[in-house]
């Protein structure tokens, strides 16, 4: 049976007991609407347009590459449509017509001004800063930990038994120390959160699997922060040195042999240019995936870079605007919409 048109506001997510992040279900209604009608108009969370959220990457890309689909309305502040409702990433109304070519959506941006900026920055031979990203679960346990501390394993389950979870300082207090012990073992310093504060703890190094930036300089960024509003600041990124790691609360960028490159990367993270490009995809609190950082161009952070990293952040922004041939309207947009970081 076919309908002339399907119009609706489908259920957005499942409701599974004792589960923090509920799986999306609205994607199934999009697929069903397409099967039973040539035309549909549906409203739903907009996260999938930016290839984030709990819908699959395959489904997200199918939608944004559909030649018969377009966005007719987007509002990042979902509460303006649905009072007392917080839908991270906002909501969108999509129109599908299988009899006409009206798409594809392609790279969807929350501001039309970003469309021209993205075309100038994301070009042939583009390399993203996500090439330097190490995820929030990349620091993992070695098997010797559980062999020597079998009694502790019942306190963790699932992924928490494989990597340093955000609550590990409380759950495994016996193996994390406030100070490095003076014994025959080597220890590594781990940054995490406890009682809502950033704290360092020490753990035996042989209890952790090797990691590419464990003995390198890197820059740590919270794996989530803010609300996803365009241009917001990053919550205090920091440099870590060799023999330091982190819990699930953070992600890291880089595996540098010298601190200078880490310092230059830290400066780059504070530029309005970078955070403007971050806002192309980031529409929720989440920072942890490579996709979120995928539109930010990788720079040379060495002393022979085409960017003079010794200049102030605002001066570096001007260098970046020139490098990517921004016009005055595009510069004004970034300068106005993106908050300053120092």
Protein backbone atom coordinates (compact mmCIF):
# COMPACT_ATOMS: atom_id res chain seq x y z
CA UNK A 1 0.00 0.00 0.00
CA UNK A 2 1.33 3.43 -0.99
CA UNK A 3 0.41 6.82 0.48
CA UNK A 4 0.52 10.11 -1.41
CA UNK A 5 2.60 11.72 1.32
CA UNK A 6 3.79 10.94 4.86
CA UNK A 7 3.96 13.74 7.43
CA UNK A 8 5.02 13.16 10.99
CA UNK A 9 6.99 13.61 14.17
CA UNK A 10 8.22 10.08 14.90
CA UNK A 11 9.54 8.79 18.24
CA UNK A 12 13.14 9.88 18.65
CA UNK A 13 14.70 7.23 20.87
CA UNK A 14 14.14 3.98 22.70
CA UNK A 15 13.78 3.88 26.48
CA UNK A 16 15.99 1.13 27.85
CA UNK A 17 16.20 0.89 31.63
CA UNK A 18 19.59 1.55 33.28
CA UNK A 19 21.13 2.80 30.06
CA UNK A 20 22.61 6.29 29.91
CA UNK A 21 22.60 6.96 26.16
CA UNK A 22 19.38 5.72 24.59
CA UNK A 23 19.53 4.39 21.01
CA UNK A 24 17.83 6.37 18.26
CA UNK A 25 14.74 4.93 16.57
CA UNK A 26 13.65 7.83 14.35
CA UNK A 27 15.89 6.55 11.55
CA UNK A 28 13.63 3.51 11.15
CA UNK A 29 10.66 5.82 10.54
CA UNK A 30 12.56 7.67 7.81
CA UNK A 31 13.25 4.35 6.09
CA UNK A 32 9.65 3.22 6.49
CA UNK A 33 8.27 6.51 5.16
CA UNK A 34 10.40 6.14 2.04
CA UNK A 35 9.02 2.64 1.45
CA UNK A 36 5.36 3.59 1.72
CA UNK A 37 5.37 6.94 -0.09
CA UNK A 38 7.24 8.88 -2.75
CA UNK A 39 7.05 11.96 -0.55
CA UNK A 40 7.53 12.57 3.14
CA UNK A 41 8.07 15.46 5.53
CA UNK A 42 9.44 14.45 8.94
CA UNK A 43 10.84 16.31 11.91
CA UNK A 44 13.55 14.68 14.01
CA UNK A 45 16.81 15.30 15.86
CA UNK A 46 19.34 16.86 13.49
CA UNK A 47 22.48 15.15 14.78
CA UNK A 48 22.67 12.72 11.88
CA UNK A 49 23.09 15.61 9.43
CA UNK A 50 26.50 16.20 11.02
CA UNK A 51 27.28 12.45 11.14
CA UNK A 52 27.15 12.37 14.94
CA UNK A 53 24.76 10.78 17.42
CA UNK A 54 23.66 7.17 17.84
CA UNK A 55 22.48 6.52 14.28
CA UNK A 56 25.03 4.58 12.24
CA UNK A 57 27.59 6.28 10.01
CA UNK A 58 26.33 4.22 7.09
CA UNK A 59 22.76 5.45 7.56
CA UNK A 60 23.89 9.05 8.14
CA UNK A 61 25.89 9.09 4.92
CA UNK A 62 23.07 7.46 2.98
CA UNK A 63 20.79 10.28 4.05
CA UNK A 64 23.09 13.23 3.38
CA UNK A 65 24.00 11.78 -0.04
CA UNK A 66 20.37 11.12 -1.08
CA UNK A 67 19.65 13.00 -4.31
CA UNK A 68 15.96 13.22 -3.39
CA UNK A 69 16.28 14.67 0.12
CA UNK A 70 16.72 18.20 1.43
CA UNK A 71 16.55 20.10 4.73
CA UNK A 72 13.74 22.64 4.78
CA UNK A 73 14.15 23.77 8.40
CA UNK A 74 16.84 23.57 11.08
CA UNK A 75 16.92 24.96 14.61
CA UNK A 76 19.77 24.17 16.99
CA UNK A 77 17.65 25.36 19.91
CA UNK A 78 15.04 22.62 19.98
CA UNK A 79 13.39 24.17 23.04
CA UNK A 80 12.05 26.94 20.80
CA UNK A 81 9.83 24.32 19.15
CA UNK A 82 9.44 21.89 22.03
CA UNK A 83 9.47 23.81 25.34
CA UNK A 84 11.23 22.17 28.30
CA UNK A 85 12.94 19.72 25.95
CA UNK A 86 16.70 19.46 25.48
CA UNK A 87 17.57 17.79 22.17
CA UNK A 88 21.32 17.97 21.71
CA UNK A 89 22.18 19.18 18.23
CA UNK A 90 18.75 20.64 17.55
CA UNK A 91 15.96 19.49 15.25
CA UNK A 92 15.42 19.49 11.51
CA UNK A 93 12.53 19.08 9.10
CA UNK A 94 13.38 17.07 6.00
CA UNK A 95 11.51 16.76 2.74
CA UNK A 96 11.92 13.72 0.49
CA UNK A 97 10.58 13.37 -3.05
CA UNK A 98 11.66 10.26 -4.92
CA UNK A 99 10.32 11.68 -8.20
CA UNK A 100 12.59 14.76 -8.20
CA UNK A 101 16.27 15.54 -7.74
CA UNK A 102 16.36 18.05 -4.86
CA UNK A 103 19.59 17.00 -3.12
CA UNK A 104 21.99 15.90 -1.95
CA UNK A 105 22.38 17.64 1.40
CA UNK A 106 26.15 17.01 1.45
CA UNK A 107 28.06 18.84 4.17
CA UNK A 108 25.34 20.40 6.28
CA UNK A 109 26.23 23.47 8.33
CA UNK A 110 24.34 25.32 11.03
CA UNK A 111 25.09 28.68 9.35
CA UNK A 112 24.94 29.38 5.62
CA UNK A 113 28.12 31.47 5.99
CA UNK A 114 30.02 28.27 6.76
CA UNK A 115 29.26 26.75 3.36
CA UNK A 116 31.74 28.96 1.49
CA UNK A 117 34.31 28.64 4.28
CA UNK A 118 34.20 24.84 4.15
CA UNK A 119 34.71 24.86 0.38
CA UNK A 120 37.83 27.00 0.77
CA UNK A 121 39.34 24.94 3.58
CA UNK A 122 38.35 21.35 2.75
CA UNK A 123 39.88 20.94 -0.71
CA UNK A 124 42.00 18.44 -2.63
CA UNK A 125 44.83 16.87 -0.61
CA UNK A 126 43.13 18.06 2.57
CA UNK A 127 44.53 16.56 5.77
CA UNK A 128 42.58 16.89 8.99
CA UNK A 129 43.81 17.44 12.52
CA UNK A 130 41.92 14.25 13.34
CA UNK A 131 44.99 12.45 11.96
CA UNK A 132 46.64 13.37 15.28
CA UNK A 133 43.73 12.34 17.51
CA UNK A 134 43.93 9.52 20.03
CA UNK A 135 40.56 8.56 21.50
CA UNK A 136 39.27 8.73 25.03
CA UNK A 137 39.47 4.95 25.45
CA UNK A 138 42.90 4.51 23.88
CA UNK A 139 44.77 4.06 27.18
CA UNK A 140 44.13 0.41 27.98
CA UNK A 141 45.06 -2.10 30.67
CA UNK A 142 47.69 -4.80 30.22
CA UNK A 143 46.71 -8.37 31.06
CA UNK A 144 49.15 -8.46 33.98
CA UNK A 145 46.90 -6.07 35.93
CA UNK A 146 44.09 -8.60 36.20
CA UNK A 147 46.44 -11.53 36.75
CA UNK A 148 47.84 -9.82 39.83
CA UNK A 149 44.58 -8.22 40.99
CA UNK A 150 41.83 -10.66 40.09
CA UNK A 151 39.74 -9.54 43.08
CA UNK A 152 39.32 -6.10 41.49
CA UNK A 153 37.83 -7.26 38.21
CA UNK A 154 34.33 -7.67 39.63
CA UNK A 155 34.18 -3.88 40.14
CA UNK A 156 34.34 -3.14 36.42
CA UNK A 157 32.49 -4.51 33.42
CA UNK A 158 32.31 -4.09 29.67
CA UNK A 159 34.65 -1.46 28.31
CA UNK A 160 35.68 -0.39 31.81
CA UNK A 161 37.60 -3.64 32.16
CA UNK A 162 39.66 -2.79 29.07
CA UNK A 163 40.39 0.93 29.32
CA UNK A 164 40.76 3.67 31.94
CA UNK A 165 37.15 4.71 32.50
CA UNK A 166 36.18 8.11 33.87
CA UNK A 167 35.37 6.60 37.29
CA UNK A 168 38.49 4.45 37.60
CA UNK A 169 40.12 6.51 40.37
CA UNK A 170 37.19 5.61 42.64
CA UNK A 171 36.57 2.05 41.47
CA UNK A 172 40.20 0.87 41.55
CA UNK A 173 41.67 2.92 44.38
CA UNK A 174 44.08 0.15 45.34
CA UNK A 175 46.17 0.56 42.17
CA UNK A 176 46.04 4.36 41.75
CA UNK A 177 48.19 6.44 44.09
CA UNK A 178 48.36 10.13 44.94
CA UNK A 179 52.17 9.93 44.91
CA UNK A 180 54.62 7.78 42.99
CA UNK A 181 55.73 4.83 45.13
CA UNK A 182 59.41 4.32 45.82
CA UNK A 183 59.76 0.64 44.97
CA UNK A 184 61.10 -1.62 42.23
CA UNK A 185 58.31 -0.75 39.74
CA UNK A 186 58.06 2.03 37.15
CA UNK A 187 55.03 4.30 37.45
CA UNK A 188 53.11 6.52 35.03
CA UNK A 189 51.14 9.67 35.82
CA UNK A 190 47.46 9.66 34.76
CA UNK A 191 45.17 12.68 34.42
CA UNK A 192 41.51 12.15 35.24
CA UNK A 193 38.64 13.59 37.26
CA UNK A 194 37.61 12.90 40.83
CA UNK A 195 35.04 14.79 42.91
CA UNK A 196 34.46 17.10 39.91
CA UNK A 197 38.12 18.19 39.82
CA UNK A 198 41.04 17.32 37.56
CA UNK A 199 43.54 15.21 39.47
CA UNK A 200 46.69 13.23 38.75
CA UNK A 201 47.20 9.68 40.01
CA UNK A 202 50.04 7.21 39.64
CA UNK A 203 49.75 3.61 38.46
CA UNK A 204 52.33 0.95 37.74
CA UNK A 205 53.39 1.38 34.15
CA UNK A 206 53.35 -2.36 33.44
CA UNK A 207 49.62 -2.36 34.29
CA UNK A 208 48.97 -0.39 31.09
CA UNK A 209 49.39 -1.44 27.47
CA UNK A 210 51.84 0.60 25.40
CA UNK A 211 50.39 3.69 23.73
CA UNK A 212 51.82 5.74 20.82
CA UNK A 213 52.02 8.97 22.82
CA UNK A 214 52.76 7.56 26.27
CA UNK A 215 56.39 8.72 26.03
CA UNK A 216 55.70 11.78 23.89
CA UNK A 217 54.37 15.32 24.27
CA UNK A 218 50.67 15.69 23.53
CA UNK A 219 47.75 18.06 24.08
CA UNK A 220 44.75 16.88 26.07
CA UNK A 221 41.20 18.11 25.48
CA UNK A 222 38.07 17.04 27.40
CA UNK A 223 36.19 14.31 25.56
CA UNK A 224 33.05 16.39 26.09
CA UNK A 225 32.42 20.01 26.97
CA UNK A 226 29.96 22.81 26.43
CA UNK A 227 26.60 22.38 24.75
CA UNK A 228 27.56 22.23 21.09
CA UNK A 229 26.79 25.89 20.47
CA UNK A 230 28.82 27.29 17.60
CA UNK A 231 32.01 29.08 18.62
CA UNK A 232 32.14 28.05 22.27
CA UNK A 233 35.46 27.69 24.08
CA UNK A 234 37.25 24.42 24.76
CA UNK A 235 37.51 23.60 28.46
CA UNK A 236 41.17 24.21 29.32
CA UNK A 237 43.25 22.04 26.98
CA UNK A 238 46.59 21.10 28.57
CA UNK A 239 49.98 19.75 27.51
CA UNK A 240 51.18 16.43 28.91
CA UNK A 241 54.74 15.22 28.70
CA UNK A 242 56.39 11.81 28.44
CA UNK A 243 55.35 9.10 30.92
CA UNK A 244 51.89 10.62 31.29
CA UNK A 245 48.47 9.38 30.18
CA UNK A 246 44.77 10.00 30.77
CA UNK A 247 41.41 8.47 31.53
CA UNK A 248 38.26 8.33 29.40
CA UNK A 249 37.53 11.93 30.40
CA UNK A 250 40.02 13.18 27.80
CA UNK A 251 41.20 12.78 24.23
CA UNK A 252 44.68 13.70 23.05
CA UNK A 253 46.33 15.17 19.98
CA UNK A 254 49.85 14.42 18.86
CA UNK A 255 52.84 12.30 19.75
CA UNK A 256 55.61 14.88 19.57
CA UNK A 257 59.29 14.49 20.42
CA UNK A 258 59.59 18.09 21.59
CA UNK A 259 57.38 20.36 23.64
CA UNK A 260 57.50 23.19 21.07
CA UNK A 261 55.19 21.36 18.67
CA UNK A 262 52.76 20.61 21.50
CA UNK A 263 52.77 24.27 22.50
CA UNK A 264 52.05 25.33 18.92
CA UNK A 265 49.21 22.83 18.66
CA UNK A 266 47.79 24.16 21.93
CA UNK A 267 47.88 27.66 20.45
CA UNK A 268 46.10 26.41 17.31
CA UNK A 269 43.32 24.91 19.43
CA UNK A 270 42.71 28.33 20.94
CA UNK A 271 42.31 30.14 17.62
CA UNK A 272 38.92 31.33 16.47
CA UNK A 273 39.65 29.79 13.07
CA UNK A 274 39.99 26.28 14.49
CA UNK A 275 36.94 26.49 16.69
CA UNK A 276 34.92 27.91 13.82
CA UNK A 277 35.86 24.87 11.75
CA UNK A 278 35.14 22.62 14.74
CA UNK A 279 31.63 24.05 14.78
CA UNK A 280 30.97 22.75 11.27
CA UNK A 281 30.42 19.28 12.75
CA UNK A 282 30.33 19.68 16.54
CA UNK A 283 26.73 20.32 17.58
CA UNK A 284 26.66 18.39 20.87
CA UNK A 285 28.90 18.15 23.93
CA UNK A 286 30.92 15.35 22.36
CA UNK A 287 34.51 15.97 21.27
CA UNK A 288 35.73 12.40 21.18
CA UNK A 289 35.29 11.21 17.59
CA UNK A 290 37.52 11.86 14.61
CA UNK A 291 34.44 12.95 12.66
CA UNK A 292 33.91 15.93 14.98
CA UNK A 293 37.40 17.25 14.14
CA UNK A 294 37.34 16.19 10.48
CA UNK A 295 36.90 19.67 8.91
CA UNK A 296 39.85 21.25 10.76
CA UNK A 297 42.99 21.39 8.60
CA UNK A 298 46.21 19.93 9.93
CA UNK A 299 49.06 22.43 10.25
CA UNK A 300 52.84 22.13 10.46
CA UNK A 301 53.69 22.74 14.12
CA UNK A 302 57.47 22.79 13.67
CA UNK A 303 59.74 25.83 13.50
CA UNK A 304 59.66 25.75 9.68
CA UNK A 305 55.87 26.02 9.46
CA UNK A 306 54.18 28.49 7.11
CA UNK A 307 52.45 29.78 10.25
CA UNK A 308 54.48 31.92 12.66
CA UNK A 309 53.43 30.31 15.94
CA UNK A 310 55.37 32.86 18.00
CA UNK A 311 52.71 35.49 17.31
CA UNK A 312 49.61 36.13 19.43
CA UNK A 313 46.49 34.02 18.96
CA UNK A 314 44.66 36.86 17.20
CA UNK A 315 47.61 37.39 14.85
CA UNK A 316 47.73 33.67 14.07
CA UNK A 317 44.03 33.85 13.23
CA UNK A 318 44.83 36.55 10.68
CA UNK A 319 47.53 34.32 9.16
CA UNK A 320 45.03 31.47 8.87
CA UNK A 321 42.36 33.69 7.28
CA UNK A 322 44.94 34.74 4.68
CA UNK A 323 46.17 31.18 4.11
CA UNK A 324 42.66 29.98 3.28
CA UNK A 325 41.68 33.11 1.35
CA UNK A 326 38.79 34.21 3.56
CA UNK A 327 36.99 37.32 2.39
CA UNK A 328 36.06 40.09 4.82
CA UNK A 329 32.52 38.79 5.37
CA UNK A 330 33.87 35.36 6.29
CA UNK A 331 36.45 36.88 8.64
CA UNK A 332 33.78 39.03 10.28
CA UNK A 333 31.53 35.99 10.71
CA UNK A 334 34.23 33.99 12.55
CA UNK A 335 35.40 36.97 14.59
CA UNK A 336 31.85 37.76 15.68
CA UNK A 337 30.49 34.26 16.31
CA UNK A 338 33.50 32.51 17.90
CA UNK A 339 34.44 33.29 21.49
CA UNK A 340 37.98 34.30 22.38
CA UNK A 341 40.33 31.93 24.21
CA UNK A 342 43.52 33.00 25.96
